[in-house]
C-alpha atoms as a PDB file:
ATOM      1  CA  MET A   1      -4.565 158.548 195.786  1.00  0.00           C
ATOM      2  CA  ARG A   2      -6.482 156.945 193.192  1.00  0.00           C
ATOM      3  CA  GLY A   3      -5.652 158.187 189.467  1.00  0.00           C
ATOM      4  CA  LYS A   4      -7.773 157.666 186.315  1.00  0.00           C
ATOM      5  CA  SER A   5      -6.966 154.477 184.527  1.00  0.00           C
ATOM      6  CA  PRO A   6      -6.972 154.446 180.623  1.00  0.00           C
ATOM      7  CA  LYS A   7      -9.697 152.773 179.028  1.00  0.00           C
ATOM      8  CA  LEU A   8      -9.431 149.407 177.280  1.00  0.00           C
ATOM      9  CA  THR A   9      -9.275 149.649 173.622  1.00  0.00           C
ATOM     10  CA  HIS A  10      -9.202 146.862 171.101  1.00  0.00           C
ATOM     11  CA  SER A  11      -5.499 147.280 170.207  1.00  0.00           C
ATOM     12  CA  LEU A  12      -4.557 147.340 173.887  1.00  0.00           C
ATOM     13  CA  LEU A  13      -7.044 144.408 174.732  1.00  0.00           C
ATOM     14  CA  SER A  14      -5.034 142.280 172.098  1.00  0.00           C
ATOM     15  CA  GLU A  15      -1.730 142.782 174.010  1.00  0.00           C
ATOM     16  CA  LEU A  16      -3.351 141.771 177.244  1.00  0.00           C
ATOM     17  CA  PHE A  17      -6.403 139.594 176.906  1.00  0.00           C
ATOM     18  CA  GLU A  18      -7.810 136.936 174.657  1.00  0.00           C
ATOM     19  CA  SER A  19     -11.347 137.957 174.644  1.00  0.00           C
ATOM     20  CA  THR A  20     -13.496 140.965 174.086  1.00  0.00           C
ATOM     21  CA  PRO A  21     -13.604 143.954 176.674  1.00  0.00           C
ATOM     22  CA  ARG A  22     -15.549 143.205 179.974  1.00  0.00           C
ATOM     23  CA  ARG A  23     -15.958 145.084 182.964  1.00  0.00           C
ATOM     24  CA  SER A  24     -13.692 142.648 185.011  1.00  0.00           C
ATOM     25  CA  GLN A  25     -10.950 143.298 182.504  1.00  0.00           C
ATOM     26  CA  GLN A  26     -11.147 147.086 183.118  1.00  0.00           C
ATOM     27  CA  LYS A  27     -11.075 146.529 186.868  1.00  0.00           C
ATOM     28  CA  GLN A  28      -7.974 144.546 186.327  1.00  0.00           C
ATOM     29  CA  VAL A  29      -6.343 147.680 184.651  1.00  0.00           C
ATOM     30  CA  GLU A  30      -7.532 149.831 187.625  1.00  0.00           C
ATOM     31  CA  ILE A  31      -5.603 147.396 189.957  1.00  0.00           C
ATOM     32  CA  VAL A  32      -2.551 147.552 187.692  1.00  0.00           C
ATOM     33  CA  GLU A  33      -2.744 151.459 187.871  1.00  0.00           C
ATOM     34  CA  GLY A  34      -2.879 150.961 191.643  1.00  0.00           C
ATOM     35  CA  ALA A  35       0.106 148.630 191.311  1.00  0.00           C
ATOM     36  CA  ILE A  36       2.148 151.175 189.521  1.00  0.00           C
ATOM     37  CA  ARG A  37       1.672 153.684 192.271  1.00  0.00           C
ATOM     38  CA  ALA A  38       2.436 151.313 194.909  1.00  0.00           C
ATOM     39  CA  LEU A  39       5.709 150.340 193.018  1.00  0.00           C
ATOM     40  CA  ILE A  40       6.794 153.937 193.065  1.00  0.00           C
ATOM     41  CA  ARG A  41       5.881 154.368 196.690  1.00  0.00           C
ATOM     42  CA  HIS A  42       7.338 151.217 198.085  1.00  0.00           C
ATOM     43  CA  GLY A  43       9.492 149.536 195.662  1.00  0.00           C
ATOM     44  CA  PHE A  44       9.113 146.070 194.231  1.00  0.00           C
ATOM     45  CA  ASP A  45      10.352 144.376 197.440  1.00  0.00           C
ATOM     46  CA  LYS A  46       7.891 146.156 199.744  1.00  0.00           C
ATOM     47  CA  THR A  47       4.716 146.152 197.505  1.00  0.00           C
ATOM     48  CA  THR A  48       1.929 143.842 199.003  1.00  0.00           C
ATOM     49  CA  HIS A  49      -1.442 143.012 197.949  1.00  0.00           C
ATOM     50  CA  GLY A  50      -2.738 145.202 200.657  1.00  0.00           C
ATOM     51  CA  LYS A  51      -0.754 148.215 199.515  1.00  0.00           C
ATOM     52  CA  VAL A  52      -1.997 147.733 195.935  1.00  0.00           C
ATOM     53  CA  ALA A  53      -5.535 147.543 197.155  1.00  0.00           C
ATOM     54  CA  ASP A  54      -5.057 150.756 199.103  1.00  0.00           C
ATOM     55  CA  GLU A  55      -3.805 152.358 195.956  1.00  0.00           C
ATOM     56  CA  SER A  56      -6.512 150.956 193.735  1.00  0.00           C
ATOM     57  CA  GLY A  57      -9.485 151.523 196.264  1.00  0.00           C
ATOM     58  CA  VAL A  58     -10.581 147.904 195.912  1.00  0.00           C
ATOM     59  CA  SER A  59     -10.242 144.962 198.484  1.00  0.00           C
ATOM     60  CA  ARG A  60      -7.197 142.929 199.077  1.00  0.00           C
ATOM     61  CA  SER A  61      -9.130 139.778 198.271  1.00  0.00           C
ATOM     62  CA  LEU A  62     -10.140 141.159 194.867  1.00  0.00           C
ATOM     63  CA  VAL A  63      -6.396 141.938 194.064  1.00  0.00           C
ATOM     64  CA  ILE A  64      -5.477 138.467 194.989  1.00  0.00           C
ATOM     65  CA  HIS A  65      -8.333 136.978 193.058  1.00  0.00           C
ATOM     66  CA  TYR A  66      -6.870 138.542 189.766  1.00  0.00           C
ATOM     67  CA  PHE A  67      -3.264 138.446 190.777  1.00  0.00           C
ATOM     68  CA  PRO A  68      -2.691 135.482 193.276  1.00  0.00           C
ATOM     69  CA  THR A  69       1.112 136.607 193.528  1.00  0.00           C
ATOM     70  CA  ILE A  70       3.029 139.666 193.340  1.00  0.00           C
ATOM     71  CA  ASP A  71       5.157 138.355 190.641  1.00  0.00           C
ATOM     72  CA  ALA A  72       2.045 137.653 188.618  1.00  0.00           C
ATOM     73  CA  LEU A  73       0.710 141.340 189.123  1.00  0.00           C
ATOM     74  CA  PHE A  74       4.126 142.750 188.199  1.00  0.00           C
ATOM     75  CA  THR A  75       4.440 140.712 185.071  1.00  0.00           C
ATOM     76  CA  PHE A  76       0.963 141.820 183.985  1.00  0.00           C
ATOM     77  CA  THR A  77       1.910 145.269 184.832  1.00  0.00           C
ATOM     78  CA  VAL A  78       4.923 145.685 182.809  1.00  0.00           C
ATOM     79  CA  LYS A  79       3.042 144.003 179.865  1.00  0.00           C
ATOM     80  CA  TYR A  80       0.387 146.605 180.420  1.00  0.00           C
ATOM     81  CA  ILE A  81       3.076 149.576 180.548  1.00  0.00           C
ATOM     82  CA  ARG A  82       4.626 148.265 177.194  1.00  0.00           C
ATOM     83  CA  ALA A  83       1.258 147.920 175.561  1.00  0.00           C
ATOM     84  CA  ILE A  84       0.219 151.418 176.430  1.00  0.00           C
ATOM     85  CA  PHE A  85       3.417 152.836 175.113  1.00  0.00           C
ATOM     86  CA  GLN A  86       3.070 150.856 171.813  1.00  0.00           C
ATOM     87  CA  GLU A  87      -0.491 152.064 171.430  1.00  0.00           C
ATOM     88  CA  ASP A  88       0.627 155.633 172.132  1.00  0.00           C
ATOM     89  CA  ALA A  89       3.281 155.430 169.312  1.00  0.00           C
ATOM     90  CA  ILE A  90       0.895 153.846 166.925  1.00  0.00           C
ATOM     91  CA  LYS A  91      -1.455 156.772 167.286  1.00  0.00           C
ATOM     92  CA  GLU A  92       1.499 159.115 166.500  1.00  0.00           C
ATOM     93  CA  ILE A  93       2.794 157.320 163.414  1.00  0.00           C
ATOM     94  CA  LYS A  94      -0.573 156.667 161.854  1.00  0.00           C
ATOM     95  CA  THR A  95      -0.748 160.526 161.070  1.00  0.00           C
ATOM     96  CA  SER A  96       2.496 160.309 159.200  1.00  0.00           C
ATOM     97  CA  GLN A  97       2.911 161.131 155.494  1.00  0.00           C
ATOM     98  CA  SER A  98       6.228 159.149 154.840  1.00  0.00           C
ATOM     99  CA  SER A  99       8.228 156.666 156.270  1.00  0.00           C
ATOM    100  CA  ARG A 100      10.755 159.321 157.462  1.00  0.00           C
ATOM    101  CA  GLU A 101       8.094 161.052 159.427  1.00  0.00           C
ATOM    102  CA  MET A 102       6.971 157.628 161.067  1.00  0.00           C
ATOM    103  CA  LEU A 103      10.466 157.032 162.352  1.00  0.00           C
ATOM    104  CA  GLU A 104      10.648 160.585 163.576  1.00  0.00           C
ATOM    105  CA  LYS A 105       7.370 160.338 165.348  1.00  0.00           C
ATOM    106  CA  TYR A 106       8.302 156.861 166.554  1.00  0.00           C
ATOM    107  CA  THR A 107      11.420 158.145 168.188  1.00  0.00           C
ATOM    108  CA  LYS A 108       9.693 161.199 169.622  1.00  0.00           C
ATOM    109  CA  ALA A 109       7.024 158.927 171.213  1.00  0.00           C
ATOM    110  CA  THR A 110       9.459 158.054 174.124  1.00  0.00           C
ATOM    111  CA  PHE A 111       9.913 161.554 175.022  1.00  0.00           C
ATOM    112  CA  THR A 112       6.256 162.223 174.833  1.00  0.00           C
ATOM    113  CA  TRP A 113       5.537 159.052 176.896  1.00  0.00           C
ATOM    114  CA  THR A 114       8.041 159.999 179.652  1.00  0.00           C
ATOM    115  CA  ARG A 115       6.141 163.321 180.036  1.00  0.00           C
ATOM    116  CA  LYS A 116       2.645 161.946 179.555  1.00  0.00           C
ATOM    117  CA  ARG A 117       2.967 158.700 181.691  1.00  0.00           C
ATOM    118  CA  GLU A 118       5.761 159.591 184.117  1.00  0.00           C
ATOM    119  CA  ALA A 119       4.701 156.911 186.615  1.00  0.00           C
ATOM    120  CA  HIS A 120       4.835 154.192 183.768  1.00  0.00           C
ATOM    121  CA  ALA A 121       8.268 155.166 182.765  1.00  0.00           C
ATOM    122  CA  LYS A 122       9.429 154.979 186.436  1.00  0.00           C
ATOM    123  CA  VAL A 123       8.375 151.528 186.878  1.00  0.00           C
ATOM    124  CA  TRP A 124       9.780 150.654 183.352  1.00  0.00           C
ATOM    125  CA  LEU A 125      13.040 151.767 184.487  1.00  0.00           C
ATOM    126  CA  HIS A 126      12.740 149.650 187.671  1.00  0.00           C
ATOM    127  CA  PHE A 127      11.842 146.760 185.429  1.00  0.00           C
ATOM    128  CA  TYR A 128      15.256 147.144 183.430  1.00  0.00           C
ATOM    129  CA  PHE A 129      16.901 146.818 186.912  1.00  0.00           C
ATOM    130  CA  LEU A 130      15.156 143.557 187.760  1.00  0.00           C
ATOM    131  CA  CYS A 131      16.101 142.365 184.190  1.00  0.00           C
ATOM    132  CA  SER A 132      19.664 142.575 185.097  1.00  0.00           C
ATOM    133  CA  ILE A 133      19.406 140.211 188.045  1.00  0.00           C
ATOM    134  CA  ASN A 134      16.412 138.015 187.158  1.00  0.00           C
ATOM    135  CA  LYS A 135      16.636 135.766 184.098  1.00  0.00           C
ATOM    136  CA  LYS A 136      12.759 135.594 183.854  1.00  0.00           C
ATOM    137  CA  TYR A 137      12.289 139.187 183.620  1.00  0.00           C
ATOM    138  CA  LYS A 138      15.174 139.418 180.989  1.00  0.00           C
ATOM    139  CA  THR A 139      13.313 136.870 178.946  1.00  0.00           C
ATOM    140  CA  LEU A 140      10.068 138.662 179.174  1.00  0.00           C
ATOM    141  CA  HIS A 141      11.559 142.031 178.333  1.00  0.00           C
ATOM    142  CA  THR A 142      13.241 140.375 175.099  1.00  0.00           C
ATOM    143  CA  GLN A 143       9.904 139.133 174.124  1.00  0.00           C
ATOM    144  CA  MET A 144       8.072 142.348 174.599  1.00  0.00           C
ATOM    145  CA  VAL A 145      10.784 144.568 172.721  1.00  0.00           C
ATOM    146  CA  THR A 146      10.571 142.093 169.865  1.00  0.00           C
ATOM    147  CA  MET A 147       7.268 143.789 168.683  1.00  0.00           C
ATOM    148  CA  GLY A 148       8.912 147.130 168.560  1.00  0.00           C
ATOM    149  CA  HIS A 149      11.772 145.852 166.787  1.00  0.00           C
ATOM    150  CA  LYS A 150       9.657 144.417 164.050  1.00  0.00           C
ATOM    151  CA  ARG A 151       7.668 147.729 163.862  1.00  0.00           C
ATOM    152  CA  ILE A 152      10.918 149.610 163.149  1.00  0.00           C
ATOM    153  CA  MET A 153      11.805 147.081 160.511  1.00  0.00           C
ATOM    154  CA  GLU A 154       8.620 147.708 158.838  1.00  0.00           C
ATOM    155  CA  ILE A 155       9.066 151.590 158.934  1.00  0.00           C
ATOM    156  CA  LEU A 156      12.657 150.898 157.560  1.00  0.00           C
ATOM    157  CA  ALA A 157      11.430 148.705 154.664  1.00  0.00           C
ATOM    158  CA  GLY A 158       8.825 151.013 153.630  1.00  0.00           C
ATOM    159  CA  GLY A 159      11.435 153.786 153.644  1.00  0.00           C
ATOM    160  CA  ASN A 160      13.780 151.726 151.575  1.00  0.00           C
ATOM    161  CA  LYS A 161      10.954 151.120 148.940  1.00  0.00           C
ATOM    162  CA  ALA A 162       9.956 154.741 148.787  1.00  0.00           C
ATOM    163  CA  GLY A 163      13.610 155.777 148.514  1.00  0.00           C
ATOM    164  CA  GLU A 164      13.644 157.714 151.778  1.00  0.00           C
ATOM    165  CA  PHE A 165      16.177 155.310 153.471  1.00  0.00           C
ATOM    166  CA  LYS A 166      19.112 153.550 152.369  1.00  0.00           C
ATOM    167  CA  CYS A 167      19.302 150.531 154.700  1.00  0.00           C
ATOM    168  CA  ASP A 168      20.773 147.012 153.698  1.00  0.00           C
ATOM    169  CA  GLN A 169      20.479 145.254 157.067  1.00  0.00           C
ATOM    170  CA  LEU A 170      16.950 145.876 158.279  1.00  0.00           C
ATOM    171  CA  SER A 171      17.072 143.778 161.448  1.00  0.00           C
ATOM    172  CA  GLN A 172      20.400 145.041 162.669  1.00  0.00           C
ATOM    173  CA  THR A 173      19.570 148.734 161.913  1.00  0.00           C
ATOM    174  CA  ALA A 174      16.172 148.386 163.629  1.00  0.00           C
ATOM    175  CA  LYS A 175      17.866 147.061 166.727  1.00  0.00           C
ATOM    176  CA  MET A 176      20.508 149.893 166.761  1.00  0.00           C
ATOM    177  CA  ILE A 177      17.742 152.414 166.489  1.00  0.00           C
ATOM    178  CA  GLN A 178      15.879 150.641 169.380  1.00  0.00           C
ATOM    179  CA  VAL A 179      19.041 150.903 171.495  1.00  0.00           C
ATOM    180  CA  ILE A 180      19.473 154.586 170.809  1.00  0.00           C
ATOM    181  CA  ILE A 181      15.821 155.209 171.860  1.00  0.00           C
ATOM    182  CA  THR A 182      16.173 152.928 175.046  1.00  0.00           C
ATOM    183  CA  GLY A 183      19.433 155.083 176.075  1.00  0.00           C
ATOM    184  CA  ALA A 184      17.462 158.300 175.691  1.00  0.00           C
ATOM    185  CA  LEU A 185      14.795 156.703 177.882  1.00  0.00           C
ATOM    186  CA  VAL A 186      17.463 155.747 180.529  1.00  0.00           C
ATOM    187  CA  THR A 187      18.881 159.356 180.332  1.00  0.00           C
ATOM    188  CA  LEU A 188      15.473 160.860 180.893  1.00  0.00           C
ATOM    189  CA  GLY A 189      14.819 158.808 183.880  1.00  0.00           C
ATOM    190  CA  THR A 190      18.025 158.841 185.403  1.00  0.00           C
ATOM    191  CA  GLU A 191      19.973 161.967 184.871  1.00  0.00           C
ATOM    192  CA  GLU A 192      19.791 165.638 185.267  1.00  0.00           C
ATOM    193  CA  VAL A 193      20.514 166.609 181.551  1.00  0.00           C
ATOM    194  CA  PRO A 194      22.753 169.795 181.337  1.00  0.00           C
ATOM    195  CA  PHE A 195      20.941 171.212 178.287  1.00  0.00           C
ATOM    196  CA  PRO A 196      17.330 171.463 177.165  1.00  0.00           C
ATOM    197  CA  LEU A 197      15.483 168.056 176.674  1.00  0.00           C
ATOM    198  CA  SER A 198      14.338 169.505 173.308  1.00  0.00           C
ATOM    199  CA  GLU A 199      18.004 169.423 172.088  1.00  0.00           C
ATOM    200  CA  LEU A 200      18.348 165.732 173.373  1.00  0.00           C
ATOM    201  CA  GLU A 201      15.041 164.742 171.491  1.00  0.00           C
ATOM    202  CA  SER A 202      16.225 166.523 168.267  1.00  0.00           C
ATOM    203  CA  ALA A 203      19.728 164.886 168.473  1.00  0.00           C
ATOM    204  CA  THR A 204      18.024 161.493 168.955  1.00  0.00           C
ATOM    205  CA  VAL A 205      15.830 161.770 166.234  1.00  0.00           C
ATOM    206  CA  ASN A 206      18.630 162.908 163.857  1.00  0.00           C
ATOM    207  CA  GLU A 207      20.655 159.952 164.981  1.00  0.00           C
ATOM    208  CA  CYS A 208      18.001 157.500 164.202  1.00  0.00           C
ATOM    209  CA  LEU A 209      17.529 158.817 160.772  1.00  0.00           C
ATOM    210  CA  ARG A 210      21.232 159.061 160.216  1.00  0.00           C
ATOM    211  CA  ILE A 211      21.527 155.106 160.865  1.00  0.00           C
ATOM    212  CA  ALA A 212      18.470 154.491 158.638  1.00  0.00           C
ATOM    213  CA  GLY A 213      20.346 156.272 155.720  1.00  0.00           C
ATOM    214  CA  ALA A 214      17.852 159.027 155.365  1.00  0.00           C
ATOM    215  CA  SER A 215      18.231 161.017 152.197  1.00  0.00           C
END
């Protein structure tokens, strides 16, 4: 069953393409959303161009035109998922009135994302597994999370300047916060948590603030 694909925006476009939005680029996004559904239904090893075409509502030849190999399609797909997550997170933190609030909202964004885009989160967790056995995907993941790491560093630096945080090692602290957020994501996707998820969300936020040296 076909789902509604997110529309390309300029910020998302800069993550995925080198030029201005075109109809063909939106078609690629529709194919990628179909690939996400196919990956959930069939897994990486059994996902084919034909199955992606079925999920996308386009011809197999069109899928191959844009993505000659399943590896190329999967690589684009995880970049797309990451870009969507970052865009959602940025929308949240832009409404913040302080660095502390920015860090809180950035941390909560993972919880919101897993609820709002459950299919994306499932494929992202599958990507984690592939990173553990495929050096190429591990390298790709390292490159993609660098942007999030830098964003957290910027939040921490702003908090330090405003007296909201006391954080001497920005890079190390940002990575620790990123690890905590990733741990929450894995928990959300792989466990039956024995208490309300709201408590896990609150505890995760508080731990990130503690590491940042929030006053």
